[in-house]
PDB file of N, CA and C in Angstrom:
ATOM      1  N   MET A   1       0.989  17.721 -20.304  1.00  0.00           N
ATOM      2  CA  MET A   1      -0.178  17.722 -19.538  1.00  0.00           C
ATOM      3  C   MET A   1      -0.759  19.132 -19.266  1.00  0.00           C
ATOM      4  N   GLY A   2      -1.983  19.431 -19.724  1.00  0.00           N
ATOM      5  CA  GLY A   2      -2.543  20.698 -19.580  1.00  0.00           C
ATOM      6  C   GLY A   2      -3.202  20.878 -18.138  1.00  0.00           C
ATOM      7  N   PHE A   3      -3.692  22.019 -18.056  1.00  0.00           N
ATOM      8  CA  PHE A   3      -4.353  22.410 -16.817  1.00  0.00           C
ATOM      9  C   PHE A   3      -5.549  21.468 -16.471  1.00  0.00           C
ATOM     10  N   TRP A   4      -6.435  21.260 -17.426  1.00  0.00           N
ATOM     11  CA  TRP A   4      -7.521  20.416 -17.204  1.00  0.00           C
ATOM     12  C   TRP A   4      -7.177  18.903 -17.071  1.00  0.00           C
ATOM     13  N   ASP A   5      -6.079  18.519 -17.657  1.00  0.00           N
ATOM     14  CA  ASP A   5      -5.661  17.169 -17.519  1.00  0.00           C
ATOM     15  C   ASP A   5      -5.223  16.999 -16.012  1.00  0.00           C
ATOM     16  N   LEU A   6      -4.586  18.016 -15.463  1.00  0.00           N
ATOM     17  CA  LEU A   6      -4.158  17.872 -14.000  1.00  0.00           C
ATOM     18  C   LEU A   6      -5.374  17.959 -13.068  1.00  0.00           C
ATOM     19  N   ILE A   7      -6.359  18.817 -13.483  1.00  0.00           N
ATOM     20  CA  ILE A   7      -7.435  18.843 -12.524  1.00  0.00           C
ATOM     21  C   ILE A   7      -8.176  17.487 -12.525  1.00  0.00           C
ATOM     22  N   GLY A   8      -8.291  16.890 -13.768  1.00  0.00           N
ATOM     23  CA  GLY A   8      -8.906  15.634 -13.955  1.00  0.00           C
ATOM     24  C   GLY A   8      -8.280  14.464 -13.180  1.00  0.00           C
ATOM     25  N   ALA A   9      -6.906  14.625 -13.285  1.00  0.00           N
ATOM     26  CA  ALA A   9      -6.017  13.504 -12.595  1.00  0.00           C
ATOM     27  C   ALA A   9      -6.211  13.705 -11.129  1.00  0.00           C
ATOM     28  N   LEU A  10      -6.412  14.894 -10.467  1.00  0.00           N
ATOM     29  CA  LEU A  10      -6.602  15.113  -9.194  1.00  0.00           C
ATOM     30  C   LEU A  10      -7.992  14.686  -8.653  1.00  0.00           C
ATOM     31  N   VAL A  11      -8.949  14.969  -9.474  1.00  0.00           N
ATOM     32  CA  VAL A  11     -10.405  14.484  -9.122  1.00  0.00           C
ATOM     33  C   VAL A  11     -10.363  12.882  -9.112  1.00  0.00           C
ATOM     34  N   ILE A  12      -9.951  12.338 -10.213  1.00  0.00           N
ATOM     35  CA  ILE A  12      -9.972  10.822 -10.387  1.00  0.00           C
ATOM     36  C   ILE A  12      -9.030  10.367  -9.236  1.00  0.00           C
ATOM     37  N   GLY A  13      -7.981  10.883  -8.881  1.00  0.00           N
ATOM     38  CA  GLY A  13      -7.067  10.477  -7.875  1.00  0.00           C
ATOM     39  C   GLY A  13      -7.691  10.466  -6.513  1.00  0.00           C
ATOM     40  N   LEU A  14      -8.623  11.475  -6.366  1.00  0.00           N
ATOM     41  CA  LEU A  14      -9.307  11.582  -5.111  1.00  0.00           C
ATOM     42  C   LEU A  14     -10.343  10.504  -4.962  1.00  0.00           C
ATOM     43  N   LEU A  15     -11.071  10.253  -5.949  1.00  0.00           N
ATOM     44  CA  LEU A  15     -12.030   9.188  -6.072  1.00  0.00           C
ATOM     45  C   LEU A  15     -11.240   7.697  -5.911  1.00  0.00           C
ATOM     46  N   VAL A  16     -10.261   7.482  -6.551  1.00  0.00           N
ATOM     47  CA  VAL A  16      -9.488   6.286  -6.538  1.00  0.00           C
ATOM     48  C   VAL A  16      -8.829   6.107  -5.001  1.00  0.00           C
ATOM     49  N   GLY A  17      -8.304   7.234  -4.505  1.00  0.00           N
ATOM     50  CA  GLY A  17      -7.706   7.164  -3.067  1.00  0.00           C
ATOM     51  C   GLY A  17      -8.730   6.848  -2.007  1.00  0.00           C
ATOM     52  N   LEU A  18      -9.988   7.549  -2.237  1.00  0.00           N
ATOM     53  CA  LEU A  18     -11.070   7.255  -1.317  1.00  0.00           C
ATOM     54  C   LEU A  18     -11.418   5.734  -1.407  1.00  0.00           C
ATOM     55  N   LEU A  19     -11.538   5.148  -2.534  1.00  0.00           N
ATOM     56  CA  LEU A  19     -12.067   3.770  -2.623  1.00  0.00           C
ATOM     57  C   LEU A  19     -10.946   2.886  -2.207  1.00  0.00           C
ATOM     58  N   ALA A  20      -9.791   3.192  -2.388  1.00  0.00           N
ATOM     59  CA  ALA A  20      -8.700   2.326  -2.016  1.00  0.00           C
ATOM     60  C   ALA A  20      -8.568   2.326  -0.388  1.00  0.00           C
ATOM     61  N   ARG A  21      -8.836   3.501   0.301  1.00  0.00           N
ATOM     62  CA  ARG A  21      -8.897   3.609   1.610  1.00  0.00           C
ATOM     63  C   ARG A  21     -10.042   2.947   2.303  1.00  0.00           C
ATOM     64  N   PHE A  22     -11.140   2.853   1.526  1.00  0.00           N
ATOM     65  CA  PHE A  22     -12.419   2.173   1.911  1.00  0.00           C
ATOM     66  C   PHE A  22     -12.170   0.659   1.897  1.00  0.00           C
ATOM     67  N   LEU A  23     -11.477   0.149   0.756  1.00  0.00           N
ATOM     68  CA  LEU A  23     -11.497  -1.086   0.544  1.00  0.00           C
ATOM     69  C   LEU A  23     -10.383  -1.950   1.492  1.00  0.00           C
ATOM     70  N   VAL A  24      -9.346  -1.155   1.914  1.00  0.00           N
ATOM     71  CA  VAL A  24      -8.248  -1.656   2.658  1.00  0.00           C
ATOM     72  C   VAL A  24      -8.632  -1.260   4.176  1.00  0.00           C
ATOM     73  N   PRO A  25      -8.864  -2.290   4.961  1.00  0.00           N
ATOM     74  CA  PRO A  25      -9.175  -2.122   6.437  1.00  0.00           C
ATOM     75  C   PRO A  25      -8.014  -1.435   7.185  1.00  0.00           C
ATOM     76  N   GLY A  26      -8.403  -0.753   8.049  1.00  0.00           N
ATOM     77  CA  GLY A  26      -7.196  -0.073   8.959  1.00  0.00           C
ATOM     78  C   GLY A  26      -7.426   1.348   8.992  1.00  0.00           C
ATOM     79  N   ARG A  27      -6.730   2.115   9.871  1.00  0.00           N
ATOM     80  CA  ARG A  27      -6.772   3.494  10.218  1.00  0.00           C
ATOM     81  C   ARG A  27      -5.613   4.071   9.443  1.00  0.00           C
ATOM     82  N   ASP A  28      -5.999   5.116   8.495  1.00  0.00           N
ATOM     83  CA  ASP A  28      -4.942   5.829   7.924  1.00  0.00           C
ATOM     84  C   ASP A  28      -5.221   7.332   8.015  1.00  0.00           C
ATOM     85  N   PRO A  29      -4.459   8.091   9.046  1.00  0.00           N
ATOM     86  CA  PRO A  29      -4.786   9.463   9.031  1.00  0.00           C
ATOM     87  C   PRO A  29      -4.133  10.280   8.034  1.00  0.00           C
ATOM     88  N   MET A  30      -4.947  10.607   6.999  1.00  0.00           N
ATOM     89  CA  MET A  30      -4.469  11.552   6.077  1.00  0.00           C
ATOM     90  C   MET A  30      -5.728  12.417   5.478  1.00  0.00           C
ATOM     91  N   GLY A  31      -5.523  13.472   5.173  1.00  0.00           N
ATOM     92  CA  GLY A  31      -6.553  14.287   4.693  1.00  0.00           C
ATOM     93  C   GLY A  31      -6.955  14.236   3.170  1.00  0.00           C
ATOM     94  N   CYS A  32      -7.702  15.063   2.651  1.00  0.00           N
ATOM     95  CA  CYS A  32      -8.109  15.016   1.249  1.00  0.00           C
ATOM     96  C   CYS A  32      -6.968  15.203   0.422  1.00  0.00           C
ATOM     97  N   ILE A  33      -6.031  15.962   0.635  1.00  0.00           N
ATOM     98  CA  ILE A  33      -4.829  16.133  -0.250  1.00  0.00           C
ATOM     99  C   ILE A  33      -4.008  14.954  -0.256  1.00  0.00           C
ATOM    100  N   GLY A  34      -3.836  14.132   0.916  1.00  0.00           N
ATOM    101  CA  GLY A  34      -3.073  13.111   0.936  1.00  0.00           C
ATOM    102  C   GLY A  34      -3.813  11.868   0.290  1.00  0.00           C
ATOM    103  N   THR A  35      -5.123  11.916   0.335  1.00  0.00           N
ATOM    104  CA  THR A  35      -5.865  10.774  -0.239  1.00  0.00           C
ATOM    105  C   THR A  35      -5.772  11.020  -1.837  1.00  0.00           C
ATOM    106  N   SER A  36      -5.979  12.174  -2.259  1.00  0.00           N
ATOM    107  CA  SER A  36      -5.897  12.593  -3.691  1.00  0.00           C
ATOM    108  C   SER A  36      -4.394  12.205  -4.142  1.00  0.00           C
ATOM    109  N   LEU A  37      -3.398  12.466  -3.447  1.00  0.00           N
ATOM    110  CA  LEU A  37      -2.044  12.169  -3.905  1.00  0.00           C
ATOM    111  C   LEU A  37      -1.724  10.680  -3.867  1.00  0.00           C
ATOM    112  N   LEU A  38      -2.450   9.858  -2.962  1.00  0.00           N
ATOM    113  CA  LEU A  38      -2.409   8.537  -2.828  1.00  0.00           C
ATOM    114  C   LEU A  38      -3.211   7.982  -4.298  1.00  0.00           C
ATOM    115  N   GLY A  39      -4.180   8.559  -4.676  1.00  0.00           N
ATOM    116  CA  GLY A  39      -4.904   7.997  -5.776  1.00  0.00           C
ATOM    117  C   GLY A  39      -4.051   8.367  -7.136  1.00  0.00           C
ATOM    118  N   VAL A  40      -3.518   9.569  -7.282  1.00  0.00           N
ATOM    119  CA  VAL A  40      -2.694   9.910  -8.281  1.00  0.00           C
ATOM    120  C   VAL A  40      -1.460   9.009  -8.360  1.00  0.00           C
ATOM    121  N   ALA A  41      -0.763   8.643  -7.216  1.00  0.00           N
ATOM    122  CA  ALA A  41       0.335   7.752  -7.159  1.00  0.00           C
ATOM    123  C   ALA A  41      -0.111   6.474  -7.603  1.00  0.00           C
ATOM    124  N   GLY A  42      -1.210   6.055  -7.188  1.00  0.00           N
ATOM    125  CA  GLY A  42      -1.748   4.826  -7.591  1.00  0.00           C
ATOM    126  C   GLY A  42      -2.047   4.601  -9.199  1.00  0.00           C
ATOM    127  N   ALA A  43      -2.478   5.721  -9.623  1.00  0.00           N
ATOM    128  CA  ALA A  43      -2.688   5.714 -11.082  1.00  0.00           C
ATOM    129  C   ALA A  43      -1.480   5.679 -11.733  1.00  0.00           C
ATOM    130  N   PHE A  44      -0.376   6.307 -11.313  1.00  0.00           N
ATOM    131  CA  PHE A  44       0.863   6.332 -11.984  1.00  0.00           C
ATOM    132  C   PHE A  44       1.545   4.860 -11.791  1.00  0.00           C
ATOM    133  N   VAL A  45       1.363   4.326 -10.691  1.00  0.00           N
ATOM    134  CA  VAL A  45       1.908   2.906 -10.454  1.00  0.00           C
ATOM    135  C   VAL A  45       1.151   1.877 -11.368  1.00  0.00           C
ATOM    136  N   GLY A  46      -0.291   2.115 -11.431  1.00  0.00           N
ATOM    137  CA  GLY A  46      -1.113   1.221 -12.256  1.00  0.00           C
ATOM    138  C   GLY A  46      -0.752   1.448 -13.771  1.00  0.00           C
ATOM    139  N   GLY A  47      -0.367   2.666 -14.114  1.00  0.00           N
ATOM    140  CA  GLY A  47       0.144   2.866 -15.544  1.00  0.00           C
ATOM    141  C   GLY A  47       1.442   2.185 -15.892  1.00  0.00           C
ATOM    142  N   ILE A  48       2.329   2.243 -14.851  1.00  0.00           N
ATOM    143  CA  ILE A  48       3.543   1.457 -15.034  1.00  0.00           C
ATOM    144  C   ILE A  48       3.323  -0.003 -15.195  1.00  0.00           C
ATOM    145  N   ILE A  49       2.544  -0.553 -14.445  1.00  0.00           N
ATOM    146  CA  ILE A  49       2.243  -1.931 -14.332  1.00  0.00           C
ATOM    147  C   ILE A  49       1.485  -2.294 -15.624  1.00  0.00           C
ATOM    148  N   SER A  50       0.566  -1.583 -16.174  1.00  0.00           N
ATOM    149  CA  SER A  50      -0.220  -1.744 -17.351  1.00  0.00           C
ATOM    150  C   SER A  50       0.773  -1.673 -18.533  1.00  0.00           C
ATOM    151  N   ARG A  51       1.625  -0.734 -18.419  1.00  0.00           N
ATOM    152  CA  ARG A  51       2.827  -0.624 -19.549  1.00  0.00           C
ATOM    153  C   ARG A  51       3.667  -1.951 -19.770  1.00  0.00           C
ATOM    154  N   PHE A  52       4.038  -2.579 -18.540  1.00  0.00           N
ATOM    155  CA  PHE A  52       4.865  -3.832 -18.555  1.00  0.00           C
ATOM    156  C   PHE A  52       3.825  -5.038 -19.003  1.00  0.00           C
ATOM    157  N   ILE A  53       2.521  -4.957 -18.712  1.00  0.00           N
ATOM    158  CA  ILE A  53       1.748  -6.113 -19.155  1.00  0.00           C
ATOM    159  C   ILE A  53       1.361  -6.003 -20.552  1.00  0.00           C
ATOM    160  N   TRP A  54       0.819  -4.895 -20.896  1.00  0.00           N
ATOM    161  CA  TRP A  54       0.201  -4.608 -22.250  1.00  0.00           C
ATOM    162  C   TRP A  54       0.926  -3.802 -23.287  1.00  0.00           C
ATOM    163  N   GLY A  55       2.014  -3.140 -22.867  1.00  0.00           N
ATOM    164  CA  GLY A  55       2.786  -2.395 -23.690  1.00  0.00           C
ATOM    165  C   GLY A  55       2.132  -1.019 -23.704  1.00  0.00           C
ATOM    166  N   ALA A  56       2.869   0.010 -24.082  1.00  0.00           N
ATOM    167  CA  ALA A  56       2.408   1.365 -24.037  1.00  0.00           C
ATOM    168  C   ALA A  56       1.993   1.813 -25.372  1.00  0.00           C
ATOM    169  N   PRO A  57       0.688   2.503 -25.338  1.00  0.00           N
ATOM    170  CA  PRO A  57       0.234   3.142 -26.647  1.00  0.00           C
ATOM    171  C   PRO A  57       1.130   4.389 -27.010  1.00  0.00           C
ATOM    172  N   ALA A  58       1.009   4.967 -28.018  1.00  0.00           N
ATOM    173  CA  ALA A  58       1.835   5.994 -28.460  1.00  0.00           C
ATOM    174  C   ALA A  58       1.854   7.221 -27.527  1.00  0.00           C
ATOM    175  N   ARG A  59       0.795   7.495 -26.974  1.00  0.00           N
ATOM    176  CA  ARG A  59       0.733   8.576 -26.048  1.00  0.00           C
ATOM    177  C   ARG A  59      -0.127   8.049 -24.675  1.00  0.00           C
ATOM    178  N   MET A  60       0.652   7.771 -23.610  1.00  0.00           N
ATOM    179  CA  MET A  60      -0.132   7.279 -22.553  1.00  0.00           C
ATOM    180  C   MET A  60      -0.191   8.255 -21.349  1.00  0.00           C
ATOM    181  N   HIS A  61      -1.412   8.641 -20.925  1.00  0.00           N
ATOM    182  CA  HIS A  61      -1.668   9.396 -19.719  1.00  0.00           C
ATOM    183  C   HIS A  61      -1.622   8.473 -18.495  1.00  0.00           C
ATOM    184  N   PHE A  62      -0.593   8.662 -17.681  1.00  0.00           N
ATOM    185  CA  PHE A  62      -0.409   7.974 -16.457  1.00  0.00           C
ATOM    186  C   PHE A  62      -1.601   8.075 -15.373  1.00  0.00           C
ATOM    187  N   ALA A  63      -2.192   9.245 -15.598  1.00  0.00           N
ATOM    188  CA  ALA A  63      -3.403   9.481 -14.646  1.00  0.00           C
ATOM    189  C   ALA A  63      -4.622   8.720 -14.990  1.00  0.00           C
ATOM    190  N   TYR A  64      -4.749   8.199 -16.273  1.00  0.00           N
ATOM    191  CA  TYR A  64      -5.949   7.588 -16.653  1.00  0.00           C
ATOM    192  C   TYR A  64      -5.656   6.242 -17.282  1.00  0.00           C
ATOM    193  N   PRO A  65      -4.914   5.322 -16.622  1.00  0.00           N
ATOM    194  CA  PRO A  65      -4.599   3.986 -17.261  1.00  0.00           C
ATOM    195  C   PRO A  65      -5.803   3.084 -17.046  1.00  0.00           C
ATOM    196  N   GLY A  66      -6.867   3.352 -16.486  1.00  0.00           N
ATOM    197  CA  GLY A  66      -7.971   2.504 -16.240  1.00  0.00           C
ATOM    198  C   GLY A  66      -8.347   2.570 -14.816  1.00  0.00           C
ATOM    199  N   PHE A  67      -9.626   2.628 -14.468  1.00  0.00           N
ATOM    200  CA  PHE A  67     -10.043   2.760 -13.162  1.00  0.00           C
ATOM    201  C   PHE A  67      -9.618   1.574 -12.310  1.00  0.00           C
ATOM    202  N   LEU A  68      -9.706   0.347 -12.637  1.00  0.00           N
ATOM    203  CA  LEU A  68      -9.512  -0.788 -11.718  1.00  0.00           C
ATOM    204  C   LEU A  68      -7.812  -0.820 -11.590  1.00  0.00           C
ATOM    205  N   ILE A  69      -7.114  -0.564 -12.713  1.00  0.00           N
ATOM    206  CA  ILE A  69      -5.667  -0.554 -12.574  1.00  0.00           C
ATOM    207  C   ILE A  69      -5.161   0.477 -11.693  1.00  0.00           C
ATOM    208  N   SER A  70      -5.775   1.663 -11.701  1.00  0.00           N
ATOM    209  CA  SER A  70      -5.499   2.739 -10.888  1.00  0.00           C
ATOM    210  C   SER A  70      -5.770   2.373  -9.407  1.00  0.00           C
ATOM    211  N   LEU A  71      -6.940   1.654  -9.151  1.00  0.00           N
ATOM    212  CA  LEU A  71      -7.308   1.252  -7.811  1.00  0.00           C
ATOM    213  C   LEU A  71      -6.297   0.229  -7.296  1.00  0.00           C
ATOM    214  N   GLY A  72      -5.822  -0.668  -8.054  1.00  0.00           N
ATOM    215  CA  GLY A  72      -5.044  -1.640  -7.643  1.00  0.00           C
ATOM    216  C   GLY A  72      -3.504  -0.994  -7.345  1.00  0.00           C
ATOM    217  N   GLY A  73      -3.078   0.049  -8.177  1.00  0.00           N
ATOM    218  CA  GLY A  73      -1.927   0.699  -7.921  1.00  0.00           C
ATOM    219  C   GLY A  73      -2.058   1.570  -6.613  1.00  0.00           C
ATOM    220  N   ALA A  74      -3.241   2.097  -6.306  1.00  0.00           N
ATOM    221  CA  ALA A  74      -3.463   2.744  -5.109  1.00  0.00           C
ATOM    222  C   ALA A  74      -3.385   1.995  -3.832  1.00  0.00           C
ATOM    223  N   ILE A  75      -3.959   0.731  -3.979  1.00  0.00           N
ATOM    224  CA  ILE A  75      -4.057  -0.176  -2.958  1.00  0.00           C
ATOM    225  C   ILE A  75      -2.514  -0.583  -2.618  1.00  0.00           C
ATOM    226  N   LEU A  76      -1.692  -0.791  -3.563  1.00  0.00           N
ATOM    227  CA  LEU A  76      -0.243  -1.100  -3.431  1.00  0.00           C
ATOM    228  C   LEU A  76       0.482   0.087  -2.678  1.00  0.00           C
ATOM    229  N   VAL A  77       0.238   1.218  -3.227  1.00  0.00           N
ATOM    230  CA  VAL A  77       0.899   2.437  -2.569  1.00  0.00           C
ATOM    231  C   VAL A  77       0.394   2.537  -1.031  1.00  0.00           C
ATOM    232  N   LEU A  78      -0.777   2.445  -0.876  1.00  0.00           N
ATOM    233  CA  LEU A  78      -1.341   2.448   0.550  1.00  0.00           C
ATOM    234  C   LEU A  78      -0.681   1.397   1.479  1.00  0.00           C
ATOM    235  N   LEU A  79      -0.585   0.245   1.087  1.00  0.00           N
ATOM    236  CA  LEU A  79       0.103  -0.811   1.712  1.00  0.00           C
ATOM    237  C   LEU A  79       1.548  -0.502   1.969  1.00  0.00           C
ATOM    238  N   LEU A  80       2.179   0.065   1.040  1.00  0.00           N
ATOM    239  CA  LEU A  80       3.521   0.431   1.130  1.00  0.00           C
ATOM    240  C   LEU A  80       3.744   1.639   2.015  1.00  0.00           C
ATOM    241  N   VAL A  81       2.773   2.641   2.023  1.00  0.00           N
ATOM    242  CA  VAL A  81       2.909   3.626   3.059  1.00  0.00           C
ATOM    243  C   VAL A  81       2.695   3.057   4.396  1.00  0.00           C
ATOM    244  N   ARG A  82       1.818   2.226   4.718  1.00  0.00           N
ATOM    245  CA  ARG A  82       1.685   1.590   5.909  1.00  0.00           C
ATOM    246  C   ARG A  82       2.924   0.732   6.387  1.00  0.00           C
ATOM    247  N   VAL A  83       3.515   0.088   5.573  1.00  0.00           N
ATOM    248  CA  VAL A  83       4.864  -0.601   6.125  1.00  0.00           C
ATOM    249  C   VAL A  83       5.907   0.530   6.265  1.00  0.00           C
ATOM    250  N   VAL A  84       5.908   1.610   5.558  1.00  0.00           N
ATOM    251  CA  VAL A  84       7.055   2.556   5.778  1.00  0.00           C
ATOM    252  C   VAL A  84       6.696   3.193   7.145  1.00  0.00           C
ATOM    253  N   ARG A  85       5.420   3.638   7.398  1.00  0.00           N
ATOM    254  CA  ARG A  85       5.010   4.236   8.736  1.00  0.00           C
ATOM    255  C   ARG A  85       5.309   3.287   9.840  1.00  0.00           C
ATOM    256  N   ARG A  86       5.072   2.151   9.684  1.00  0.00           N
ATOM    257  CA  ARG A  86       5.202   1.063  10.860  1.00  0.00           C
ATOM    258  C   ARG A  86       6.569   1.054  11.321  1.00  0.00           C
ATOM    259  N   ASN A  87       7.541   1.198  10.266  1.00  0.00           N
ATOM    260  CA  ASN A  87       9.052   1.279  10.824  1.00  0.00           C
ATOM    261  C   ASN A  87       9.578   2.377  11.192  1.00  0.00           C
TER     262      ASN A  87
END
């Protein structure tokens, strides 16, 4: 993963994290970095899920498995963070 891939993953992660936080109601006190990391983690989880469903291509970028799959993964990660914080 090169420098621009990392920058792209962080920007897409920020957008996916913001959208996930918007779609899931509730208060989540985290800043821009936390939101970006949430989106990147969601993209990673979405990449793993898509790998199990459709199989992996020869070279798979976990940061870009598809916007909707990344969003679904970010929502799962956000709900998991809420469960962990609650306990």
